[in-house]
Amino acid sequence: MVAQQIIVLLLFMAAVSYAGWRAYKAVSKTKSGGCAKGCGCAAGKAVKI
């Protein structure tokens, strides 16, 4: 019974950590790209001729 509670607690902590990481990534703006997503996907795709 105790092992089951520990497993559930670890899974819950992992889920909360993942949700917090996703929220942090959504809020933080590290690079500004060409699109509105803020992922920086168009920052290095400029082609010089």
N, C-alpha and C. Protein backbone atom coordinates (compact mmCIF):
# COMPACT_ATOMS: atom_id res chain seq x y z
N MET A 1 0.82 -1.19 0.00
CA MET A 1 0.00 0.00 0.00
C MET A 1 0.87 1.26 0.00
N VAL A 2 1.94 1.25 0.77
CA VAL A 2 2.82 2.41 0.83
C VAL A 2 3.54 2.60 -0.50
N ALA A 3 3.95 1.51 -1.13
CA ALA A 3 4.62 1.60 -2.42
C ALA A 3 3.69 2.20 -3.47
N GLN A 4 2.42 1.84 -3.40
CA GLN A 4 1.44 2.38 -4.33
C GLN A 4 1.29 3.89 -4.14
N GLN A 5 1.26 4.35 -2.92
CA GLN A 5 1.14 5.78 -2.65
C GLN A 5 2.39 6.54 -3.12
N ILE A 6 3.54 5.94 -2.96
CA ILE A 6 4.78 6.58 -3.42
C ILE A 6 4.78 6.70 -4.93
N ILE A 7 4.34 5.66 -5.62
CA ILE A 7 4.28 5.70 -7.09
C ILE A 7 3.31 6.77 -7.56
N VAL A 8 2.14 6.85 -6.93
CA VAL A 8 1.15 7.86 -7.29
C VAL A 8 1.70 9.26 -7.02
N LEU A 9 2.38 9.44 -5.90
CA LEU A 9 2.96 10.74 -5.57
C LEU A 9 4.04 11.14 -6.58
N LEU A 10 4.87 10.20 -6.98
CA LEU A 10 5.90 10.49 -7.98
C LEU A 10 5.29 10.85 -9.33
N LEU A 11 4.26 10.13 -9.73
CA LEU A 11 3.58 10.45 -10.99
C LEU A 11 2.92 11.82 -10.93
N PHE A 12 2.32 12.14 -9.79
CA PHE A 12 1.69 13.45 -9.63
C PHE A 12 2.73 14.56 -9.69
N MET A 13 3.85 14.37 -9.02
CA MET A 13 4.92 15.37 -9.04
C MET A 13 5.49 15.55 -10.45
N ALA A 14 5.61 14.45 -11.20
CA ALA A 14 6.09 14.54 -12.57
C ALA A 14 5.10 15.32 -13.44
N ALA A 15 3.81 15.07 -13.24
CA ALA A 15 2.79 15.77 -14.03
C ALA A 15 2.77 17.26 -13.70
N VAL A 16 2.90 17.61 -12.44
CA VAL A 16 2.92 19.02 -12.05
C VAL A 16 4.18 19.70 -12.59
N SER A 17 5.30 19.02 -12.55
CA SER A 17 6.54 19.58 -13.09
C SER A 17 6.43 19.81 -14.59
N TYR A 18 5.85 18.86 -15.29
CA TYR A 18 5.68 19.00 -16.74
C TYR A 18 4.74 20.16 -17.07
N ALA A 19 3.64 20.28 -16.34
CA ALA A 19 2.71 21.37 -16.57
C ALA A 19 3.36 22.72 -16.27
N GLY A 20 4.16 22.78 -15.22
CA GLY A 20 4.87 24.02 -14.90
C GLY A 20 5.89 24.38 -15.95
N TRP A 21 6.59 23.37 -16.47
CA TRP A 21 7.57 23.62 -17.53
C TRP A 21 6.89 24.15 -18.79
N ARG A 22 5.75 23.54 -19.14
CA ARG A 22 5.01 23.99 -20.33
C ARG A 22 4.49 25.42 -20.14
N ALA A 23 4.01 25.74 -18.95
CA ALA A 23 3.53 27.09 -18.67
C ALA A 23 4.67 28.09 -18.74
N TYR A 24 5.83 27.73 -18.21
CA TYR A 24 6.99 28.61 -18.27
C TYR A 24 7.41 28.86 -19.71
N LYS A 25 7.45 27.80 -20.52
CA LYS A 25 7.83 27.95 -21.92
C LYS A 25 6.84 28.82 -22.68
N ALA A 26 5.56 28.74 -22.33
CA ALA A 26 4.54 29.53 -23.01
C ALA A 26 4.64 31.01 -22.63
N VAL A 27 5.04 31.30 -21.41
CA VAL A 27 5.08 32.67 -20.94
C VAL A 27 6.40 33.35 -21.27
N SER A 28 7.50 32.63 -21.17
CA SER A 28 8.80 33.26 -21.39
C SER A 28 9.05 33.48 -22.88
N LYS A 29 9.63 34.62 -23.16
CA LYS A 29 9.95 34.95 -24.55
C LYS A 29 11.47 35.04 -24.66
N THR A 30 12.08 33.96 -25.12
CA THR A 30 13.53 33.95 -25.22
C THR A 30 14.01 34.50 -26.55
N LYS A 31 13.35 34.14 -27.62
CA LYS A 31 13.74 34.61 -28.95
C LYS A 31 12.49 35.13 -29.66
N SER A 32 12.66 36.15 -30.44
CA SER A 32 11.53 36.64 -31.22
C SER A 32 11.73 36.22 -32.67
N GLY A 33 10.80 35.47 -33.18
CA GLY A 33 10.88 34.98 -34.54
C GLY A 33 9.96 35.77 -35.45
N GLY A 34 9.76 35.25 -36.62
CA GLY A 34 8.91 35.91 -37.58
C GLY A 34 7.44 35.59 -37.41
N CYS A 35 7.14 34.58 -36.63
CA CYS A 35 5.74 34.22 -36.45
C CYS A 35 5.25 34.66 -35.08
N ALA A 36 3.98 34.55 -34.84
CA ALA A 36 3.38 35.01 -33.59
C ALA A 36 3.57 34.03 -32.44
N LYS A 37 4.06 32.84 -32.73
CA LYS A 37 4.22 31.83 -31.68
C LYS A 37 5.34 32.17 -30.72
N GLY A 38 6.33 32.92 -31.15
CA GLY A 38 7.44 33.28 -30.29
C GLY A 38 8.46 32.18 -30.11
N CYS A 39 8.46 31.21 -31.02
CA CYS A 39 9.39 30.09 -30.87
C CYS A 39 10.74 30.37 -31.51
N GLY A 40 10.84 31.43 -32.30
CA GLY A 40 12.11 31.75 -32.93
C GLY A 40 12.37 30.93 -34.17
N CYS A 41 11.34 30.35 -34.77
CA CYS A 41 11.52 29.44 -35.89
C CYS A 41 11.99 30.15 -37.16
N ALA A 42 11.69 31.42 -37.32
CA ALA A 42 12.07 32.12 -38.53
C ALA A 42 13.30 33.00 -38.32
N ALA A 43 13.92 32.92 -37.17
CA ALA A 43 15.04 33.81 -36.86
C ALA A 43 16.27 33.50 -37.72
N GLY A 44 16.55 32.24 -37.98
CA GLY A 44 17.76 31.89 -38.72
C GLY A 44 17.50 31.43 -40.13
N LYS A 45 16.33 31.65 -40.67
CA LYS A 45 15.99 31.15 -42.00
C LYS A 45 16.12 32.21 -43.10
N ALA A 46 16.69 33.35 -42.79
CA ALA A 46 16.85 34.39 -43.80
C ALA A 46 17.95 33.97 -44.77
N VAL A 47 17.65 34.06 -46.05
CA VAL A 47 18.60 33.67 -47.09
C VAL A 47 19.19 34.93 -47.70
N LYS A 48 20.51 35.00 -47.71
CA LYS A 48 21.19 36.15 -48.31
C LYS A 48 21.57 35.81 -49.74
N ILE A 49 21.25 36.70 -50.64
CA ILE A 49 21.53 36.48 -52.06
C ILE A 49 22.64 37.41 -52.49
